[in-house]
PDB file of N, CA and C in Angstrom:
ATOM      1  N   MET A   1     -81.580  -1.990 -79.026  1.00  0.00           N
ATOM      2  CA  MET A   1     -80.460  -2.120 -78.103  1.00  0.00           C
ATOM      3  C   MET A   1     -80.029  -0.758 -77.571  1.00  0.00           C
ATOM      4  N   THR A   2     -80.252   0.304 -78.370  1.00  0.00           N
ATOM      5  CA  THR A   2     -79.862   1.629 -77.878  1.00  0.00           C
ATOM      6  C   THR A   2     -80.733   2.068 -76.705  1.00  0.00           C
ATOM      7  N   THR A   3     -81.987   1.642 -76.694  1.00  0.00           N
ATOM      8  CA  THR A   3     -82.859   1.981 -75.563  1.00  0.00           C
ATOM      9  C   THR A   3     -82.344   1.322 -74.291  1.00  0.00           C
ATOM     10  N   LEU A   4     -81.917   0.086 -74.395  1.00  0.00           N
ATOM     11  CA  LEU A   4     -81.334  -0.605 -73.248  1.00  0.00           C
ATOM     12  C   LEU A   4     -80.057   0.093 -72.791  1.00  0.00           C
ATOM     13  N   PHE A   5     -79.226   0.515 -73.758  1.00  0.00           N
ATOM     14  CA  PHE A   5     -77.995   1.222 -73.400  1.00  0.00           C
ATOM     15  C   PHE A   5     -78.320   2.518 -72.667  1.00  0.00           C
ATOM     16  N   ARG A   6     -79.324   3.252 -73.145  1.00  0.00           N
ATOM     17  CA  ARG A   6     -79.717   4.495 -72.466  1.00  0.00           C
ATOM     18  C   ARG A   6     -80.164   4.212 -71.028  1.00  0.00           C
ATOM     19  N   PHE A   7     -80.967   3.177 -70.845  1.00  0.00           N
ATOM     20  CA  PHE A   7     -81.442   2.808 -69.516  1.00  0.00           C
ATOM     21  C   PHE A   7     -80.275   2.445 -68.605  1.00  0.00           C
ATOM     22  N   VAL A   8     -79.351   1.632 -69.103  1.00  0.00           N
ATOM     23  CA  VAL A   8     -78.198   1.209 -68.307  1.00  0.00           C
ATOM     24  C   VAL A   8     -77.283   2.401 -68.018  1.00  0.00           C
ATOM     25  N   ALA A   9     -77.107   3.294 -68.989  1.00  0.00           N
ATOM     26  CA  ALA A   9     -76.262   4.481 -68.778  1.00  0.00           C
ATOM     27  C   ALA A   9     -76.815   5.346 -67.648  1.00  0.00           C
ATOM     28  N   TRP A  10     -78.123   5.567 -67.667  1.00  0.00           N
ATOM     29  CA  TRP A  10     -78.736   6.351 -66.593  1.00  0.00           C
ATOM     30  C   TRP A  10     -78.640   5.631 -65.242  1.00  0.00           C
ATOM     31  N   GLY A  11     -78.885   4.324 -65.248  1.00  0.00           N
ATOM     32  CA  GLY A  11     -78.775   3.556 -64.002  1.00  0.00           C
ATOM     33  C   GLY A  11     -77.366   3.559 -63.454  1.00  0.00           C
ATOM     34  N   GLU A  12     -76.385   3.422 -64.328  1.00  0.00           N
ATOM     35  CA  GLU A  12     -74.991   3.422 -63.913  1.00  0.00           C
ATOM     36  C   GLU A  12     -74.613   4.781 -63.329  1.00  0.00           C
ATOM     37  N   GLY A  13     -75.038   5.835 -63.987  1.00  0.00           N
ATOM     38  CA  GLY A  13     -74.742   7.172 -63.479  1.00  0.00           C
ATOM     39  C   GLY A  13     -75.397   7.447 -62.136  1.00  0.00           C
ATOM     40  N   LEU A  14     -76.654   7.057 -62.006  1.00  0.00           N
ATOM     41  CA  LEU A  14     -77.358   7.270 -60.740  1.00  0.00           C
ATOM     42  C   LEU A  14     -76.768   6.432 -59.611  1.00  0.00           C
ATOM     43  N   SER A  15     -76.370   5.195 -59.922  1.00  0.00           N
ATOM     44  CA  SER A  15     -75.778   4.358 -58.870  1.00  0.00           C
ATOM     45  C   SER A  15     -74.415   4.897 -58.441  1.00  0.00           C
ATOM     46  N   TYR A  16     -73.681   5.488 -59.385  1.00  0.00           N
ATOM     47  CA  TYR A  16     -72.390   6.107 -59.062  1.00  0.00           C
ATOM     48  C   TYR A  16     -72.599   7.284 -58.109  1.00  0.00           C
ATOM     49  N   ILE A  17     -73.590   8.102 -58.411  1.00  0.00           N
ATOM     50  CA  ILE A  17     -73.907   9.234 -57.539  1.00  0.00           C
ATOM     51  C   ILE A  17     -74.384   8.738 -56.174  1.00  0.00           C
ATOM     52  N   ALA A  18     -75.171   7.658 -56.158  1.00  0.00           N
ATOM     53  CA  ALA A  18     -75.636   7.090 -54.880  1.00  0.00           C
ATOM     54  C   ALA A  18     -74.461   6.608 -54.036  1.00  0.00           C
ATOM     55  N   LEU A  19     -73.451   6.029 -54.682  1.00  0.00           N
ATOM     56  CA  LEU A  19     -72.252   5.617 -53.934  1.00  0.00           C
ATOM     57  C   LEU A  19     -71.548   6.819 -53.309  1.00  0.00           C
ATOM     58  N   PHE A  20     -71.442   7.905 -54.071  1.00  0.00           N
ATOM     59  CA  PHE A  20     -70.811   9.107 -53.531  1.00  0.00           C
ATOM     60  C   PHE A  20     -71.622   9.700 -52.391  1.00  0.00           C
ATOM     61  N   ILE A  21     -72.932   9.737 -52.530  1.00  0.00           N
ATOM     62  CA  ILE A  21     -73.778  10.256 -51.453  1.00  0.00           C
ATOM     63  C   ILE A  21     -73.615   9.399 -50.207  1.00  0.00           C
ATOM     64  N   ASN A  22     -73.602   8.087 -50.399  1.00  0.00           N
ATOM     65  CA  ASN A  22     -73.421   7.179 -49.267  1.00  0.00           C
ATOM     66  C   ASN A  22     -72.075   7.433 -48.594  1.00  0.00           C
ATOM     67  N   MET A  23     -71.045   7.629 -49.400  1.00  0.00           N
ATOM     68  CA  MET A  23     -69.699   7.799 -48.851  1.00  0.00           C
ATOM     69  C   MET A  23     -69.517   9.176 -48.207  1.00  0.00           C
ATOM     70  N   LEU A  24     -69.987  10.212 -48.863  1.00  0.00           N
ATOM     71  CA  LEU A  24     -69.691  11.567 -48.403  1.00  0.00           C
ATOM     72  C   LEU A  24     -70.691  12.122 -47.401  1.00  0.00           C
ATOM     73  N   LEU A  25     -71.943  11.715 -47.491  1.00  0.00           N
ATOM     74  CA  LEU A  25     -72.947  12.281 -46.586  1.00  0.00           C
ATOM     75  C   LEU A  25     -73.382  11.335 -45.478  1.00  0.00           C
ATOM     76  N   ILE A  26     -73.538  10.063 -45.791  1.00  0.00           N
ATOM     77  CA  ILE A  26     -74.060   9.131 -44.795  1.00  0.00           C
ATOM     78  C   ILE A  26     -72.955   8.571 -43.904  1.00  0.00           C
ATOM     79  N   LYS A  27     -71.800   8.254 -44.484  1.00  0.00           N
ATOM     80  CA  LYS A  27     -70.720   7.647 -43.696  1.00  0.00           C
ATOM     81  C   LYS A  27     -70.301   8.506 -42.499  1.00  0.00           C
ATOM     82  N   PRO A  28     -70.119   9.815 -42.664  1.00  0.00           N
ATOM     83  CA  PRO A  28     -69.703  10.598 -41.491  1.00  0.00           C
ATOM     84  C   PRO A  28     -70.760  10.698 -40.393  1.00  0.00           C
ATOM     85  N   THR A  29     -72.033  10.536 -40.746  1.00  0.00           N
ATOM     86  CA  THR A  29     -73.083  10.713 -39.749  1.00  0.00           C
ATOM     87  C   THR A  29     -73.605   9.410 -39.158  1.00  0.00           C
ATOM     88  N   ASP A  30     -73.631   8.335 -39.982  1.00  0.00           N
ATOM     89  CA  ASP A  30     -74.203   7.068 -39.507  1.00  0.00           C
ATOM     90  C   ASP A  30     -73.447   5.902 -40.140  1.00  0.00           C
ATOM     91  N   LEU A  31     -72.438   5.439 -39.461  1.00  0.00           N
ATOM     92  CA  LEU A  31     -71.571   4.389 -39.998  1.00  0.00           C
ATOM     93  C   LEU A  31     -72.320   3.075 -40.218  1.00  0.00           C
ATOM     94  N   THR A  32     -73.262   2.759 -39.361  1.00  0.00           N
ATOM     95  CA  THR A  32     -74.040   1.525 -39.521  1.00  0.00           C
ATOM     96  C   THR A  32     -74.885   1.566 -40.795  1.00  0.00           C
ATOM     97  N   LEU A  33     -75.548   2.671 -41.035  1.00  0.00           N
ATOM     98  CA  LEU A  33     -76.352   2.814 -42.249  1.00  0.00           C
ATOM     99  C   LEU A  33     -75.459   2.768 -43.488  1.00  0.00           C
ATOM    100  N   TYR A  34     -74.301   3.419 -43.408  1.00  0.00           N
ATOM    101  CA  TYR A  34     -73.344   3.389 -44.516  1.00  0.00           C
ATOM    102  C   TYR A  34     -72.967   1.957 -44.882  1.00  0.00           C
ATOM    103  N   LYS A  35     -72.617   1.165 -43.884  1.00  0.00           N
ATOM    104  CA  LYS A  35     -72.228  -0.231 -44.126  1.00  0.00           C
ATOM    105  C   LYS A  35     -73.395  -1.058 -44.655  1.00  0.00           C
ATOM    106  N   THR A  36     -74.595  -0.763 -44.199  1.00  0.00           N
ATOM    107  CA  THR A  36     -75.775  -1.480 -44.663  1.00  0.00           C
ATOM    108  C   THR A  36     -76.057  -1.181 -46.131  1.00  0.00           C
ATOM    109  N   LEU A  37     -75.881   0.058 -46.549  1.00  0.00           N
ATOM    110  CA  LEU A  37     -76.178   0.465 -47.919  1.00  0.00           C
ATOM    111  C   LEU A  37     -75.055   0.170 -48.910  1.00  0.00           C
ATOM    112  N   LEU A  38     -73.837   0.031 -48.423  1.00  0.00           N
ATOM    113  CA  LEU A  38     -72.688  -0.088 -49.307  1.00  0.00           C
ATOM    114  C   LEU A  38     -72.777  -1.301 -50.240  1.00  0.00           C
ATOM    115  N   PHE A  39     -73.107  -2.460 -49.722  1.00  0.00           N
ATOM    116  CA  PHE A  39     -73.138  -3.657 -50.570  1.00  0.00           C
ATOM    117  C   PHE A  39     -74.211  -3.601 -51.653  1.00  0.00           C
ATOM    118  N   PRO A  40     -75.480  -3.312 -51.319  1.00  0.00           N
ATOM    119  CA  PRO A  40     -76.480  -3.308 -52.398  1.00  0.00           C
ATOM    120  C   PRO A  40     -76.231  -2.216 -53.447  1.00  0.00           C
ATOM    121  N   ILE A  41     -75.827  -1.029 -53.012  1.00  0.00           N
ATOM    122  CA  ILE A  41     -75.553   0.028 -53.985  1.00  0.00           C
ATOM    123  C   ILE A  41     -74.320  -0.329 -54.802  1.00  0.00           C
ATOM    124  N   GLY A  42     -73.296  -0.822 -54.141  1.00  0.00           N
ATOM    125  CA  GLY A  42     -72.067  -1.195 -54.839  1.00  0.00           C
ATOM    126  C   GLY A  42     -72.281  -2.344 -55.819  1.00  0.00           C
ATOM    127  N   MET A  43     -73.072  -3.318 -55.443  1.00  0.00           N
ATOM    128  CA  MET A  43     -73.349  -4.453 -56.331  1.00  0.00           C
ATOM    129  C   MET A  43     -74.150  -3.989 -57.547  1.00  0.00           C
ATOM    130  N   ALA A  44     -75.161  -3.161 -57.312  1.00  0.00           N
ATOM    131  CA  ALA A  44     -75.955  -2.636 -58.429  1.00  0.00           C
ATOM    132  C   ALA A  44     -75.066  -1.821 -59.366  1.00  0.00           C
ATOM    133  N   HIS A  45     -74.222  -0.989 -58.802  1.00  0.00           N
ATOM    134  CA  HIS A  45     -73.331  -0.174 -59.625  1.00  0.00           C
ATOM    135  C   HIS A  45     -72.369  -1.056 -60.424  1.00  0.00           C
ATOM    136  N   GLY A  46     -71.835  -2.074 -59.808  1.00  0.00           N
ATOM    137  CA  GLY A  46     -70.909  -2.970 -60.505  1.00  0.00           C
ATOM    138  C   GLY A  46     -71.568  -3.678 -61.680  1.00  0.00           C
ATOM    139  N   ILE A  47     -72.762  -4.171 -61.472  1.00  0.00           N
ATOM    140  CA  ILE A  47     -73.482  -4.858 -62.550  1.00  0.00           C
ATOM    141  C   ILE A  47     -73.822  -3.879 -63.673  1.00  0.00           C
ATOM    142  N   LEU A  48     -74.282  -2.687 -63.308  1.00  0.00           N
ATOM    143  CA  LEU A  48     -74.616  -1.686 -64.326  1.00  0.00           C
ATOM    144  C   LEU A  48     -73.375  -1.209 -65.071  1.00  0.00           C
ATOM    145  N   PHE A  49     -72.245  -1.091 -64.377  1.00  0.00           N
ATOM    146  CA  PHE A  49     -70.996  -0.686 -65.017  1.00  0.00           C
ATOM    147  C   PHE A  49     -70.569  -1.717 -66.068  1.00  0.00           C
ATOM    148  N   ILE A  50     -70.619  -2.981 -65.699  1.00  0.00           N
ATOM    149  CA  ILE A  50     -70.250  -4.049 -66.645  1.00  0.00           C
ATOM    150  C   ILE A  50     -71.211  -4.041 -67.829  1.00  0.00           C
ATOM    151  N   GLY A  51     -72.495  -3.872 -67.564  1.00  0.00           N
ATOM    152  CA  GLY A  51     -73.482  -3.797 -68.638  1.00  0.00           C
ATOM    153  C   GLY A  51     -73.238  -2.606 -69.550  1.00  0.00           C
ATOM    154  N   TYR A  52     -72.877  -1.466 -68.978  1.00  0.00           N
ATOM    155  CA  TYR A  52     -72.592  -0.262 -69.760  1.00  0.00           C
ATOM    156  C   TYR A  52     -71.417  -0.491 -70.709  1.00  0.00           C
ATOM    157  N   VAL A  53     -70.343  -1.045 -70.173  1.00  0.00           N
ATOM    158  CA  VAL A  53     -69.156  -1.304 -70.998  1.00  0.00           C
ATOM    159  C   VAL A  53     -69.479  -2.305 -72.108  1.00  0.00           C
ATOM    160  N   TYR A  54     -70.153  -3.376 -71.772  1.00  0.00           N
ATOM    161  CA  TYR A  54     -70.512  -4.390 -72.766  1.00  0.00           C
ATOM    162  C   TYR A  54     -71.436  -3.813 -73.843  1.00  0.00           C
ATOM    163  N   LEU A  55     -72.477  -3.107 -73.421  1.00  0.00           N
ATOM    164  CA  LEU A  55     -73.431  -2.556 -74.381  1.00  0.00           C
ATOM    165  C   LEU A  55     -72.805  -1.483 -75.267  1.00  0.00           C
ATOM    166  N   ALA A  56     -71.857  -0.727 -74.733  1.00  0.00           N
ATOM    167  CA  ALA A  56     -71.178   0.274 -75.563  1.00  0.00           C
ATOM    168  C   ALA A  56     -70.446  -0.411 -76.715  1.00  0.00           C
ATOM    169  N   PHE A  57     -69.765  -1.505 -76.415  1.00  0.00           N
ATOM    170  CA  PHE A  57     -69.105  -2.266 -77.489  1.00  0.00           C
ATOM    171  C   PHE A  57     -70.136  -2.865 -78.441  1.00  0.00           C
ATOM    172  N   ALA A  58     -71.259  -3.321 -77.897  1.00  0.00           N
ATOM    173  CA  ALA A  58     -72.275  -3.979 -78.719  1.00  0.00           C
ATOM    174  C   ALA A  58     -72.952  -3.018 -79.691  1.00  0.00           C
ATOM    175  N   ILE A  59     -73.130  -1.759 -79.307  1.00  0.00           N
ATOM    176  CA  ILE A  59     -73.822  -0.823 -80.198  1.00  0.00           C
ATOM    177  C   ILE A  59     -72.864   0.062 -80.987  1.00  0.00           C
ATOM    178  N   LYS A  60     -71.562  -0.171 -80.855  1.00  0.00           N
ATOM    179  CA  LYS A  60     -70.568   0.656 -81.553  1.00  0.00           C
ATOM    180  C   LYS A  60     -70.841   0.750 -83.043  1.00  0.00           C
ATOM    181  N   SER A  61     -71.055  -0.355 -83.695  1.00  0.00           N
ATOM    182  CA  SER A  61     -71.240  -0.327 -85.147  1.00  0.00           C
ATOM    183  C   SER A  61     -72.593   0.266 -85.537  1.00  0.00           C
ATOM    184  N   SER A  62     -73.649  -0.043 -84.792  1.00  0.00           N
ATOM    185  CA  SER A  62     -74.964   0.498 -85.150  1.00  0.00           C
ATOM    186  C   SER A  62     -75.030   2.011 -84.937  1.00  0.00           C
ATOM    187  N   GLN A  63     -74.236   2.522 -84.032  1.00  0.00           N
ATOM    188  CA  GLN A  63     -74.185   3.960 -83.786  1.00  0.00           C
ATOM    189  C   GLN A  63     -73.141   4.663 -84.664  1.00  0.00           C
ATOM    190  N   ARG A  64     -72.388   3.862 -85.407  1.00  0.00           N
ATOM    191  CA  ARG A  64     -71.326   4.373 -86.283  1.00  0.00           C
ATOM    192  C   ARG A  64     -70.287   5.184 -85.513  1.00  0.00           C
ATOM    193  N   TRP A  65     -69.921   4.642 -84.334  1.00  0.00           N
ATOM    194  CA  TRP A  65     -68.887   5.283 -83.534  1.00  0.00           C
ATOM    195  C   TRP A  65     -67.525   4.902 -84.065  1.00  0.00           C
ATOM    196  N   THR A  66     -66.607   5.839 -84.020  1.00  0.00           N
ATOM    197  CA  THR A  66     -65.210   5.518 -84.288  1.00  0.00           C
ATOM    198  C   THR A  66     -64.640   4.954 -82.989  1.00  0.00           C
ATOM    199  N   TRP A  67     -63.417   4.452 -83.067  1.00  0.00           N
ATOM    200  CA  TRP A  67     -62.778   3.954 -81.846  1.00  0.00           C
ATOM    201  C   TRP A  67     -62.560   5.099 -80.855  1.00  0.00           C
ATOM    202  N   LYS A  68     -62.330   6.293 -81.376  1.00  0.00           N
ATOM    203  CA  LYS A  68     -62.170   7.462 -80.510  1.00  0.00           C
ATOM    204  C   LYS A  68     -63.478   7.764 -79.778  1.00  0.00           C
ATOM    205  N   ASP A  69     -64.602   7.697 -80.494  1.00  0.00           N
ATOM    206  CA  ASP A  69     -65.901   7.906 -79.851  1.00  0.00           C
ATOM    207  C   ASP A  69     -66.143   6.863 -78.759  1.00  0.00           C
ATOM    208  N   LEU A  70     -65.844   5.607 -79.082  1.00  0.00           N
ATOM    209  CA  LEU A  70     -66.020   4.532 -78.095  1.00  0.00           C
ATOM    210  C   LEU A  70     -65.141   4.786 -76.871  1.00  0.00           C
ATOM    211  N   PHE A  71     -63.922   5.256 -77.097  1.00  0.00           N
ATOM    212  CA  PHE A  71     -63.028   5.583 -75.980  1.00  0.00           C
ATOM    213  C   PHE A  71     -63.678   6.613 -75.062  1.00  0.00           C
ATOM    214  N   TRP A  72     -64.258   7.673 -75.640  1.00  0.00           N
ATOM    215  CA  TRP A  72     -64.881   8.720 -74.829  1.00  0.00           C
ATOM    216  C   TRP A  72     -66.124   8.217 -74.104  1.00  0.00           C
ATOM    217  N   VAL A  73     -66.885   7.363 -74.766  1.00  0.00           N
ATOM    218  CA  VAL A  73     -68.070   6.781 -74.123  1.00  0.00           C
ATOM    219  C   VAL A  73     -67.646   5.915 -72.937  1.00  0.00           C
ATOM    220  N   GLU A  74     -66.604   5.121 -73.135  1.00  0.00           N
ATOM    221  CA  GLU A  74     -66.125   4.264 -72.040  1.00  0.00           C
ATOM    222  C   GLU A  74     -65.496   5.094 -70.924  1.00  0.00           C
ATOM    223  N   LEU A  75     -64.748   6.126 -71.275  1.00  0.00           N
ATOM    224  CA  LEU A  75     -64.139   6.995 -70.263  1.00  0.00           C
ATOM    225  C   LEU A  75     -65.212   7.682 -69.420  1.00  0.00           C
ATOM    226  N   ALA A  76     -66.319   8.003 -70.043  1.00  0.00           N
ATOM    227  CA  ALA A  76     -67.419   8.661 -69.328  1.00  0.00           C
ATOM    228  C   ALA A  76     -67.940   7.823 -68.172  1.00  0.00           C
ATOM    229  N   SER A  77     -67.799   6.510 -68.268  1.00  0.00           N
ATOM    230  CA  SER A  77     -68.298   5.648 -67.192  1.00  0.00           C
ATOM    231  C   SER A  77     -67.471   5.787 -65.917  1.00  0.00           C
ATOM    232  N   LEU A  78     -66.301   6.384 -66.021  1.00  0.00           N
ATOM    233  CA  LEU A  78     -65.435   6.546 -64.852  1.00  0.00           C
ATOM    234  C   LEU A  78     -65.614   7.896 -64.166  1.00  0.00           C
ATOM    235  N   LEU A  79     -66.365   8.791 -64.792  1.00  0.00           N
ATOM    236  CA  LEU A  79     -66.544  10.136 -64.255  1.00  0.00           C
ATOM    237  C   LEU A  79     -67.961  10.327 -63.732  1.00  0.00           C
ATOM    238  N   PRO A  80     -68.108  10.986 -62.580  1.00  0.00           N
ATOM    239  CA  PRO A  80     -69.458  11.299 -62.116  1.00  0.00           C
ATOM    240  C   PRO A  80     -70.185  12.155 -63.155  1.00  0.00           C
ATOM    241  N   PHE A  81     -71.398  11.850 -63.427  1.00  0.00           N
ATOM    242  CA  PHE A  81     -72.238  12.509 -64.428  1.00  0.00           C
ATOM    243  C   PHE A  81     -71.781  12.251 -65.866  1.00  0.00           C
ATOM    244  N   GLY A  82     -70.715  11.490 -66.052  1.00  0.00           N
ATOM    245  CA  GLY A  82     -70.182  11.239 -67.390  1.00  0.00           C
ATOM    246  C   GLY A  82     -71.106  10.429 -68.269  1.00  0.00           C
ATOM    247  N   THR A  83     -71.786   9.460 -67.694  1.00  0.00           N
ATOM    248  CA  THR A  83     -72.669   8.618 -68.509  1.00  0.00           C
ATOM    249  C   THR A  83     -73.863   9.408 -69.035  1.00  0.00           C
ATOM    250  N   PHE A  84     -74.306  10.408 -68.269  1.00  0.00           N
ATOM    251  CA  PHE A  84     -75.415  11.244 -68.726  1.00  0.00           C
ATOM    252  C   PHE A  84     -74.987  12.056 -69.949  1.00  0.00           C
ATOM    253  N   VAL A  85     -73.796  12.622 -69.878  1.00  0.00           N
ATOM    254  CA  VAL A  85     -73.267  13.432 -70.981  1.00  0.00           C
ATOM    255  C   VAL A  85     -73.021  12.558 -72.206  1.00  0.00           C
ATOM    256  N   ALA A  86     -72.399  11.403 -72.006  1.00  0.00           N
ATOM    257  CA  ALA A  86     -72.102  10.504 -73.129  1.00  0.00           C
ATOM    258  C   ALA A  86     -73.383  10.027 -73.797  1.00  0.00           C
ATOM    259  N   GLU A  87     -74.383   9.713 -72.997  1.00  0.00           N
ATOM    260  CA  GLU A  87     -75.654   9.228 -73.567  1.00  0.00           C
ATOM    261  C   GLU A  87     -76.288  10.320 -74.415  1.00  0.00           C
ATOM    262  N   LYS A  88     -76.272  11.557 -73.974  1.00  0.00           N
ATOM    263  CA  LYS A  88     -76.859  12.659 -74.734  1.00  0.00           C
ATOM    264  C   LYS A  88     -76.044  12.984 -75.985  1.00  0.00           C
ATOM    265  N   ARG A  89     -74.719  12.938 -75.856  1.00  0.00           N
ATOM    266  CA  ARG A  89     -73.865  13.391 -76.952  1.00  0.00           C
ATOM    267  C   ARG A  89     -73.653  12.346 -78.038  1.00  0.00           C
ATOM    268  N   PHE A  90     -73.515  11.076 -77.651  1.00  0.00           N
ATOM    269  CA  PHE A  90     -73.093  10.061 -78.600  1.00  0.00           C
ATOM    270  C   PHE A  90     -74.197   9.125 -79.083  1.00  0.00           C
ATOM    271  N   VAL A  91     -75.230   8.912 -78.299  1.00  0.00           N
ATOM    272  CA  VAL A  91     -76.236   7.911 -78.673  1.00  0.00           C
ATOM    273  C   VAL A  91     -77.298   8.561 -79.554  1.00  0.00           C
ATOM    274  N   LYS A  92     -77.414   8.029 -80.743  1.00  0.00           N
ATOM    275  CA  LYS A  92     -78.426   8.502 -81.680  1.00  0.00           C
ATOM    276  C   LYS A  92     -79.646   7.606 -81.566  1.00  0.00           C
ATOM    277  N   ASN A  93     -80.809   8.143 -81.868  1.00  0.00           N
ATOM    278  CA  ASN A  93     -82.044   7.352 -81.815  1.00  0.00           C
ATOM    279  C   ASN A  93     -81.985   6.225 -82.826  1.00  0.00           C
ATOM    280  N   ALA A  94     -82.539   5.086 -82.447  1.00  0.00           N
ATOM    281  CA  ALA A  94     -82.577   3.937 -83.353  1.00  0.00           C
ATOM    282  C   ALA A  94     -83.497   4.242 -84.527  1.00  0.00           C
ATOM    283  N   SER A  95     -83.069   3.818 -85.734  1.00  0.00           N
ATOM    284  CA  SER A  95     -83.921   4.070 -86.894  1.00  0.00           C
ATOM    285  C   SER A  95     -84.742   2.864 -87.225  1.00  0.00           C
TER     286      SER A  95
END
Protein backbone atom coordinates (compact mmCIF):
# COMPACT_ATOMS: atom_id res chain seq x y z
CA MET A 1 0.00 0.00 0.00
CA THR A 2 2.94 2.35 0.57
CA THR A 3 3.95 1.99 -3.08
CA LEU A 4 0.47 3.08 -4.12
CA PHE A 5 0.66 6.01 -1.69
CA ARG A 6 4.01 7.06 -3.19
CA PHE A 7 2.54 6.90 -6.71
CA VAL A 8 -0.54 8.91 -5.71
CA ALA A 9 1.58 11.46 -3.79
CA TRP A 10 3.72 12.09 -6.87
CA GLY A 11 0.66 12.25 -9.13
CA GLU A 12 -1.10 14.65 -6.79
CA GLY A 13 1.94 16.90 -6.61
CA LEU A 14 2.45 16.91 -10.36
CA SER A 15 -1.22 17.61 -11.05
CA TYR A 16 -1.11 20.51 -8.57
CA ILE A 17 1.87 21.98 -10.40
CA ALA A 18 0.09 21.41 -13.74
CA LEU A 19 -2.88 23.42 -12.44
CA PHE A 20 -0.57 26.28 -11.49
CA ILE A 21 1.18 26.19 -14.87
CA ASN A 22 -2.19 26.21 -16.60
CA MET A 23 -3.36 29.14 -14.47
CA LEU A 24 -0.20 31.25 -14.45
CA LEU A 25 1.36 30.60 -17.85
CA ILE A 26 -1.35 29.43 -20.23
CA LYS A 27 -4.35 31.49 -19.07
CA PRO A 28 -2.78 34.89 -19.82
CA THR A 29 -1.66 33.83 -23.30
CA ASP A 30 -4.41 31.48 -24.55
CA LEU A 31 -7.74 31.56 -22.75
CA THR A 32 -9.28 28.87 -24.97
CA LEU A 33 -6.49 26.40 -24.24
CA TYR A 34 -6.71 27.25 -20.53
CA LYS A 35 -10.43 26.43 -20.46
CA THR A 36 -9.85 23.23 -22.44
CA LEU A 37 -7.18 21.99 -20.03
CA LEU A 38 -8.80 23.11 -16.79
CA PHE A 39 -11.39 20.33 -16.46
CA PRO A 40 -9.20 17.28 -17.17
CA ILE A 41 -6.30 18.55 -15.05
CA GLY A 42 -8.64 19.67 -12.28
CA MET A 43 -10.54 16.38 -12.28
CA ALA A 44 -7.32 14.35 -12.17
CA HIS A 45 -6.01 16.51 -9.34
CA GLY A 46 -9.26 16.17 -7.39
CA ILE A 47 -9.28 12.39 -7.66
CA LEU A 48 -5.59 12.15 -6.73
CA PHE A 49 -6.10 14.54 -3.79
CA ILE A 50 -8.93 12.40 -2.39
CA GLY A 51 -6.83 9.27 -2.91
CA TYR A 52 -3.86 10.90 -1.15
CA VAL A 53 -5.93 11.84 1.89
CA TYR A 54 -7.58 8.42 2.08
CA LEU A 55 -4.33 6.49 1.62
CA ALA A 56 -2.54 8.60 4.23
CA PHE A 57 -5.15 7.54 6.78
CA ALA A 58 -4.97 3.94 5.53
CA ILE A 59 -1.20 3.62 5.97
CA LYS A 60 -0.97 5.61 9.23
CA SER A 61 -0.63 2.56 11.44
CA SER A 62 1.68 0.58 9.14
CA GLN A 63 4.01 3.58 8.93
CA ARG A 64 3.77 4.12 12.70
CA TRP A 65 2.82 7.75 12.25
CA THR A 66 1.64 9.76 15.20
CA TRP A 67 -1.37 12.01 14.75
CA LYS A 68 1.07 14.90 14.45
CA ASP A 69 2.89 13.13 11.61
CA LEU A 70 -0.42 12.46 9.87
CA PHE A 71 -1.33 16.14 10.27
CA TRP A 72 1.90 17.17 8.51
CA VAL A 73 1.41 14.62 5.74
CA GLU A 74 -2.13 15.87 5.16
CA LEU A 75 -1.06 19.53 5.33
CA ALA A 76 1.56 18.81 2.68
CA SER A 77 -1.22 18.05 0.20
CA LEU A 78 -2.25 21.71 0.34
CA LEU A 79 1.19 23.11 -0.49
CA PRO A 80 2.91 23.09 -3.87
CA PHE A 81 5.73 20.53 -3.77
CA GLY A 82 4.49 19.46 -0.32
CA THR A 83 3.57 15.93 -1.31
CA PHE A 84 7.08 15.33 -2.65
CA VAL A 85 8.62 16.42 0.66
CA ALA A 86 6.12 14.45 2.76
CA GLU A 87 6.64 11.31 0.70
CA LYS A 88 10.43 11.51 1.15
CA ARG A 89 10.34 12.46 4.82
CA PHE A 90 7.53 10.34 6.26
CA VAL A 91 7.03 7.25 4.10
CA LYS A 92 9.24 4.35 5.04
CA ASN A 93 9.83 1.40 2.72
CA ALA A 94 7.48 -1.52 3.23
CA SER A 95 9.06 -4.43 5.08
